[in-house]
């Protein structure tokens, strides 16, 4: 079993960012929601771009 630590940590960060959106909703803080949402999508886009680059190399 081959676990890629960097991708695993990136996935955990994406999950934490979107979980933070839920926390922001509970706190009713619109700025926290917006920032966490943007961070989540940026991290997810970064992960997808890494995956596409690696797929083109093979």
PDB file of N, CA and C in Angstrom:
ATOM      1  N   UNK A   1       0.850  -1.185   0.000  1.00  0.00           N
ATOM      2  CA  UNK A   1       0.000   0.000   0.000  1.00  0.00           C
ATOM      3  C   UNK A   1       0.887   1.238   0.000  1.00  0.00           C
ATOM      4  N   UNK A   2       0.658   2.099  -0.979  1.00  0.00           N
ATOM      5  CA  UNK A   2       1.498   3.276  -1.154  1.00  0.00           C
ATOM      6  C   UNK A   2       0.715   4.530  -0.746  1.00  0.00           C
ATOM      7  N   UNK A   3       1.061   5.098   0.389  1.00  0.00           N
ATOM      8  CA  UNK A   3       0.395   6.311   0.876  1.00  0.00           C
ATOM      9  C   UNK A   3       1.283   7.507   0.568  1.00  0.00           C
ATOM     10  N   UNK A   4       0.732   8.480  -0.142  1.00  0.00           N
ATOM     11  CA  UNK A   4       1.474   9.691  -0.458  1.00  0.00           C
ATOM     12  C   UNK A   4       1.110  10.736   0.597  1.00  0.00           C
ATOM     13  N   UNK A   5       2.051  10.977   1.489  1.00  0.00           N
ATOM     14  CA  UNK A   5       1.806  11.833   2.652  1.00  0.00           C
ATOM     15  C   UNK A   5       1.392  13.254   2.240  1.00  0.00           C
ATOM     16  N   UNK A   6       2.043  13.822   1.228  1.00  0.00           N
ATOM     17  CA  UNK A   6       1.713  15.198   0.837  1.00  0.00           C
ATOM     18  C   UNK A   6       0.276  15.315   0.335  1.00  0.00           C
ATOM     19  N   UNK A   7      -0.168  14.343  -0.455  1.00  0.00           N
ATOM     20  CA  UNK A   7      -1.558  14.375  -0.939  1.00  0.00           C
ATOM     21  C   UNK A   7      -2.541  14.125   0.190  1.00  0.00           C
ATOM     22  N   UNK A   8      -2.165  13.244   1.105  1.00  0.00           N
ATOM     23  CA  UNK A   8      -3.016  12.965   2.258  1.00  0.00           C
ATOM     24  C   UNK A   8      -3.207  14.224   3.107  1.00  0.00           C
ATOM     25  N   UNK A   9      -2.111  14.942   3.368  1.00  0.00           N
ATOM     26  CA  UNK A   9      -2.194  16.172   4.164  1.00  0.00           C
ATOM     27  C   UNK A   9      -2.995  17.247   3.438  1.00  0.00           C
ATOM     28  N   UNK A  10      -2.851  17.320   2.116  1.00  0.00           N
ATOM     29  CA  UNK A  10      -3.629  18.281   1.342  1.00  0.00           C
ATOM     30  C   UNK A  10      -5.125  17.963   1.441  1.00  0.00           C
ATOM     31  N   UNK A  11      -5.462  16.682   1.351  1.00  0.00           N
ATOM     32  CA  UNK A  11      -6.870  16.279   1.471  1.00  0.00           C
ATOM     33  C   UNK A  11      -7.421  16.611   2.858  1.00  0.00           C
ATOM     34  N   UNK A  12      -6.623  16.390   3.898  1.00  0.00           N
ATOM     35  CA  UNK A  12      -7.050  16.733   5.260  1.00  0.00           C
ATOM     36  C   UNK A  12      -7.280  18.238   5.384  1.00  0.00           C
ATOM     37  N   UNK A  13      -6.402  19.037   4.779  1.00  0.00           N
ATOM     38  CA  UNK A  13      -6.564  20.495   4.831  1.00  0.00           C
ATOM     39  C   UNK A  13      -7.840  20.945   4.123  1.00  0.00           C
ATOM     40  N   UNK A  14      -8.163  20.319   2.999  1.00  0.00           N
ATOM     41  CA  UNK A  14      -9.408  20.648   2.283  1.00  0.00           C
ATOM     42  C   UNK A  14     -10.611  20.314   3.158  1.00  0.00           C
ATOM     43  N   UNK A  15     -10.581  19.157   3.783  1.00  0.00           N
ATOM     44  CA  UNK A  15     -11.683  18.754   4.664  1.00  0.00           C
ATOM     45  C   UNK A  15     -11.823  19.731   5.834  1.00  0.00           C
ATOM     46  N   UNK A  16     -10.701  20.127   6.414  1.00  0.00           N
ATOM     47  CA  UNK A  16     -10.739  21.084   7.529  1.00  0.00           C
ATOM     48  C   UNK A  16     -11.275  22.444   7.088  1.00  0.00           C
ATOM     49  N   UNK A  17     -10.917  22.872   5.878  1.00  0.00           N
ATOM     50  CA  UNK A  17     -11.398  24.169   5.380  1.00  0.00           C
ATOM     51  C   UNK A  17     -12.912  24.149   5.205  1.00  0.00           C
ATOM     52  N   UNK A  18     -13.441  23.070   4.632  1.00  0.00           N
ATOM     53  CA  UNK A  18     -14.887  23.007   4.451  1.00  0.00           C
ATOM     54  C   UNK A  18     -15.611  22.749   5.774  1.00  0.00           C
ATOM     55  N   UNK A  19     -14.963  22.099   6.709  1.00  0.00           N
ATOM     56  CA  UNK A  19     -15.542  21.957   8.051  1.00  0.00           C
ATOM     57  C   UNK A  19     -15.591  23.320   8.742  1.00  0.00           C
ATOM     58  N   UNK A  20     -14.593  24.143   8.471  1.00  0.00           N
ATOM     59  CA  UNK A  20     -14.567  25.492   9.035  1.00  0.00           C
ATOM     60  C   UNK A  20     -15.738  26.324   8.517  1.00  0.00           C
ATOM     61  N   UNK A  21     -16.186  26.048   7.308  1.00  0.00           N
ATOM     62  CA  UNK A  21     -17.378  26.739   6.786  1.00  0.00           C
ATOM     63  C   UNK A  21     -18.573  26.421   7.684  1.00  0.00           C
ATOM     64  N   UNK A  22     -18.705  25.168   8.068  1.00  0.00           N
ATOM     65  CA  UNK A  22     -19.788  24.781   8.969  1.00  0.00           C
ATOM     66  C   UNK A  22     -19.689  25.464  10.315  1.00  0.00           C
ATOM     67  N   UNK A  23     -18.473  25.601  10.814  1.00  0.00           N
ATOM     68  CA  UNK A  23     -18.267  26.305  12.083  1.00  0.00           C
ATOM     69  C   UNK A  23     -18.650  27.780  11.925  1.00  0.00           C
ATOM     70  N   UNK A  24     -18.261  28.353  10.788  1.00  0.00           N
ATOM     71  CA  UNK A  24     -18.627  29.750  10.522  1.00  0.00           C
ATOM     72  C   UNK A  24     -20.128  29.951  10.451  1.00  0.00           C
ATOM     73  N   UNK A  25     -20.823  28.976   9.871  1.00  0.00           N
ATOM     74  CA  UNK A  25     -22.289  29.056   9.818  1.00  0.00           C
ATOM     75  C   UNK A  25     -22.863  29.000  11.227  1.00  0.00           C
ATOM     76  N   UNK A  26     -22.303  28.113  12.049  1.00  0.00           N
ATOM     77  CA  UNK A  26     -22.792  28.001  13.428  1.00  0.00           C
ATOM     78  C   UNK A  26     -22.540  29.297  14.206  1.00  0.00           C
ATOM     79  N   UNK A  27     -21.425  29.937  13.920  1.00  0.00           N
ATOM     80  CA  UNK A  27     -21.087  31.195  14.611  1.00  0.00           C
ATOM     81  C   UNK A  27     -21.750  32.414  13.966  1.00  0.00           C
ATOM     82  N   UNK A  28     -22.353  32.214  12.806  1.00  0.00           N
ATOM     83  CA  UNK A  28     -22.993  33.296  12.042  1.00  0.00           C
ATOM     84  C   UNK A  28     -22.020  34.418  11.720  1.00  0.00           C
ATOM     85  N   UNK A  29     -20.812  34.016  11.299  1.00  0.00           N
ATOM     86  CA  UNK A  29     -19.781  34.976  10.932  1.00  0.00           C
ATOM     87  C   UNK A  29     -19.529  34.854   9.435  1.00  0.00           C
ATOM     88  N   UNK A  30     -20.053  35.811   8.672  1.00  0.00           N
ATOM     89  CA  UNK A  30     -20.004  35.745   7.213  1.00  0.00           C
ATOM     90  C   UNK A  30     -18.578  35.799   6.686  1.00  0.00           C
ATOM     91  N   UNK A  31     -17.708  36.582   7.310  1.00  0.00           N
ATOM     92  CA  UNK A  31     -16.317  36.678   6.828  1.00  0.00           C
ATOM     93  C   UNK A  31     -15.569  35.360   7.032  1.00  0.00           C
ATOM     94  N   UNK A  32     -15.803  34.710   8.141  1.00  0.00           N
ATOM     95  CA  UNK A  32     -15.174  33.405   8.404  1.00  0.00           C
ATOM     96  C   UNK A  32     -15.645  32.377   7.373  1.00  0.00           C
ATOM     97  N   UNK A  33     -16.940  32.421   7.050  1.00  0.00           N
ATOM     98  CA  UNK A  33     -17.507  31.501   6.058  1.00  0.00           C
ATOM     99  C   UNK A  33     -16.866  31.735   4.695  1.00  0.00           C
ATOM    100  N   UNK A  34     -16.806  32.977   4.270  1.00  0.00           N
ATOM    101  CA  UNK A  34     -16.259  33.314   2.951  1.00  0.00           C
ATOM    102  C   UNK A  34     -14.788  32.925   2.849  1.00  0.00           C
ATOM    103  N   UNK A  35     -13.997  33.253   3.856  1.00  0.00           N
ATOM    104  CA  UNK A  35     -12.563  32.950   3.826  1.00  0.00           C
ATOM    105  C   UNK A  35     -12.329  31.441   3.826  1.00  0.00           C
ATOM    106  N   UNK A  36     -13.046  30.712   4.661  1.00  0.00           N
ATOM    107  CA  UNK A  36     -12.880  29.254   4.710  1.00  0.00           C
ATOM    108  C   UNK A  36     -13.308  28.619   3.394  1.00  0.00           C
ATOM    109  N   UNK A  37     -14.360  29.132   2.784  1.00  0.00           N
ATOM    110  CA  UNK A  37     -14.857  28.623   1.507  1.00  0.00           C
ATOM    111  C   UNK A  37     -13.818  28.828   0.407  1.00  0.00           C
ATOM    112  N   UNK A  38     -13.246  30.016   0.356  1.00  0.00           N
ATOM    113  CA  UNK A  38     -12.224  30.327  -0.651  1.00  0.00           C
ATOM    114  C   UNK A  38     -10.985  29.463  -0.440  1.00  0.00           C
ATOM    115  N   UNK A  39     -10.536  29.334   0.795  1.00  0.00           N
ATOM    116  CA  UNK A  39      -9.370  28.497   1.085  1.00  0.00           C
ATOM    117  C   UNK A  39      -9.635  27.053   0.670  1.00  0.00           C
ATOM    118  N   UNK A  40     -10.823  26.548   0.952  1.00  0.00           N
ATOM    119  CA  UNK A  40     -11.170  25.183   0.578  1.00  0.00           C
ATOM    120  C   UNK A  40     -11.102  24.966  -0.923  1.00  0.00           C
ATOM    121  N   UNK A  41     -11.655  25.890  -1.698  1.00  0.00           N
ATOM    122  CA  UNK A  41     -11.636  25.733  -3.146  1.00  0.00           C
ATOM    123  C   UNK A  41     -10.244  25.928  -3.732  1.00  0.00           C
ATOM    124  N   UNK A  42      -9.451  26.827  -3.157  1.00  0.00           N
ATOM    125  CA  UNK A  42      -8.077  27.006  -3.625  1.00  0.00           C
ATOM    126  C   UNK A  42      -7.269  25.732  -3.385  1.00  0.00           C
ATOM    127  N   UNK A  43      -7.384  25.167  -2.199  1.00  0.00           N
ATOM    128  CA  UNK A  43      -6.658  23.935  -1.898  1.00  0.00           C
ATOM    129  C   UNK A  43      -7.129  22.778  -2.780  1.00  0.00           C
ATOM    130  N   UNK A  44      -8.427  22.682  -3.010  1.00  0.00           N
ATOM    131  CA  UNK A  44      -8.947  21.614  -3.841  1.00  0.00           C
ATOM    132  C   UNK A  44      -8.480  21.788  -5.290  1.00  0.00           C
ATOM    133  N   UNK A  45      -8.481  23.001  -5.783  1.00  0.00           N
ATOM    134  CA  UNK A  45      -7.985  23.267  -7.133  1.00  0.00           C
ATOM    135  C   UNK A  45      -6.506  22.950  -7.267  1.00  0.00           C
ATOM    136  N   UNK A  46      -5.742  23.267  -6.232  1.00  0.00           N
ATOM    137  CA  UNK A  46      -4.322  22.946  -6.222  1.00  0.00           C
ATOM    138  C   UNK A  46      -4.117  21.433  -6.293  1.00  0.00           C
ATOM    139  N   UNK A  47      -4.886  20.687  -5.528  1.00  0.00           N
ATOM    140  CA  UNK A  47      -4.792  19.228  -5.549  1.00  0.00           C
ATOM    141  C   UNK A  47      -5.162  18.637  -6.893  1.00  0.00           C
ATOM    142  N   UNK A  48      -6.190  19.178  -7.526  1.00  0.00           N
ATOM    143  CA  UNK A  48      -6.607  18.691  -8.841  1.00  0.00           C
ATOM    144  C   UNK A  48      -5.536  19.004  -9.882  1.00  0.00           C
ATOM    145  N   UNK A  49      -4.924  20.192  -9.792  1.00  0.00           N
ATOM    146  CA  UNK A  49      -3.872  20.533 -10.754  1.00  0.00           C
ATOM    147  C   UNK A  49      -2.657  19.629 -10.590  1.00  0.00           C
ATOM    148  N   UNK A  50      -2.319  19.269  -9.364  1.00  0.00           N
ATOM    149  CA  UNK A  50      -1.214  18.338  -9.133  1.00  0.00           C
ATOM    150  C   UNK A  50      -1.547  16.972  -9.746  1.00  0.00           C
ATOM    151  N   UNK A  51      -2.767  16.531  -9.564  1.00  0.00           N
ATOM    152  CA  UNK A  51      -3.177  15.238 -10.093  1.00  0.00           C
ATOM    153  C   UNK A  51      -3.121  15.232 -11.626  1.00  0.00           C
ATOM    154  N   UNK A  52      -3.571  16.321 -12.277  1.00  0.00           N
ATOM    155  CA  UNK A  52      -3.544  16.397 -13.729  1.00  0.00           C
ATOM    156  C   UNK A  52      -2.118  16.427 -14.248  1.00  0.00           C
ATOM    157  N   UNK A  53      -1.230  17.168 -13.582  1.00  0.00           N
ATOM    158  CA  UNK A  53       0.176  17.216 -14.001  1.00  0.00           C
ATOM    159  C   UNK A  53       0.817  15.839 -13.910  1.00  0.00           C
ATOM    160  N   UNK A  54       0.524  15.122 -12.859  1.00  0.00           N
ATOM    161  CA  UNK A  54       1.100  13.788 -12.705  1.00  0.00           C
ATOM    162  C   UNK A  54       0.528  12.817 -13.744  1.00  0.00           C
ATOM    163  N   UNK A  55      -0.754  12.968 -14.099  1.00  0.00           N
ATOM    164  CA  UNK A  55      -1.374  12.089 -15.091  1.00  0.00           C
ATOM    165  C   UNK A  55      -0.769  12.322 -16.476  1.00  0.00           C
ATOM    166  N   UNK A  56      -0.383  13.566 -16.793  1.00  0.00           N
ATOM    167  CA  UNK A  56       0.208  13.853 -18.089  1.00  0.00           C
ATOM    168  C   UNK A  56       1.638  13.358 -18.199  1.00  0.00           C
ATOM    169  N   UNK A  57       2.325  13.218 -17.081  1.00  0.00           N
ATOM    170  CA  UNK A  57       3.701  12.716 -17.097  1.00  0.00           C
ATOM    171  C   UNK A  57       3.755  11.234 -17.405  1.00  0.00           C
ATOM    172  N   UNK A  58       2.710  10.492 -17.005  1.00  0.00           N
ATOM    173  CA  UNK A  58       2.708   9.034 -17.221  1.00  0.00           C
ATOM    174  C   UNK A  58       2.223   8.657 -18.587  1.00  0.00           C
TER     175      UNK A  58
END
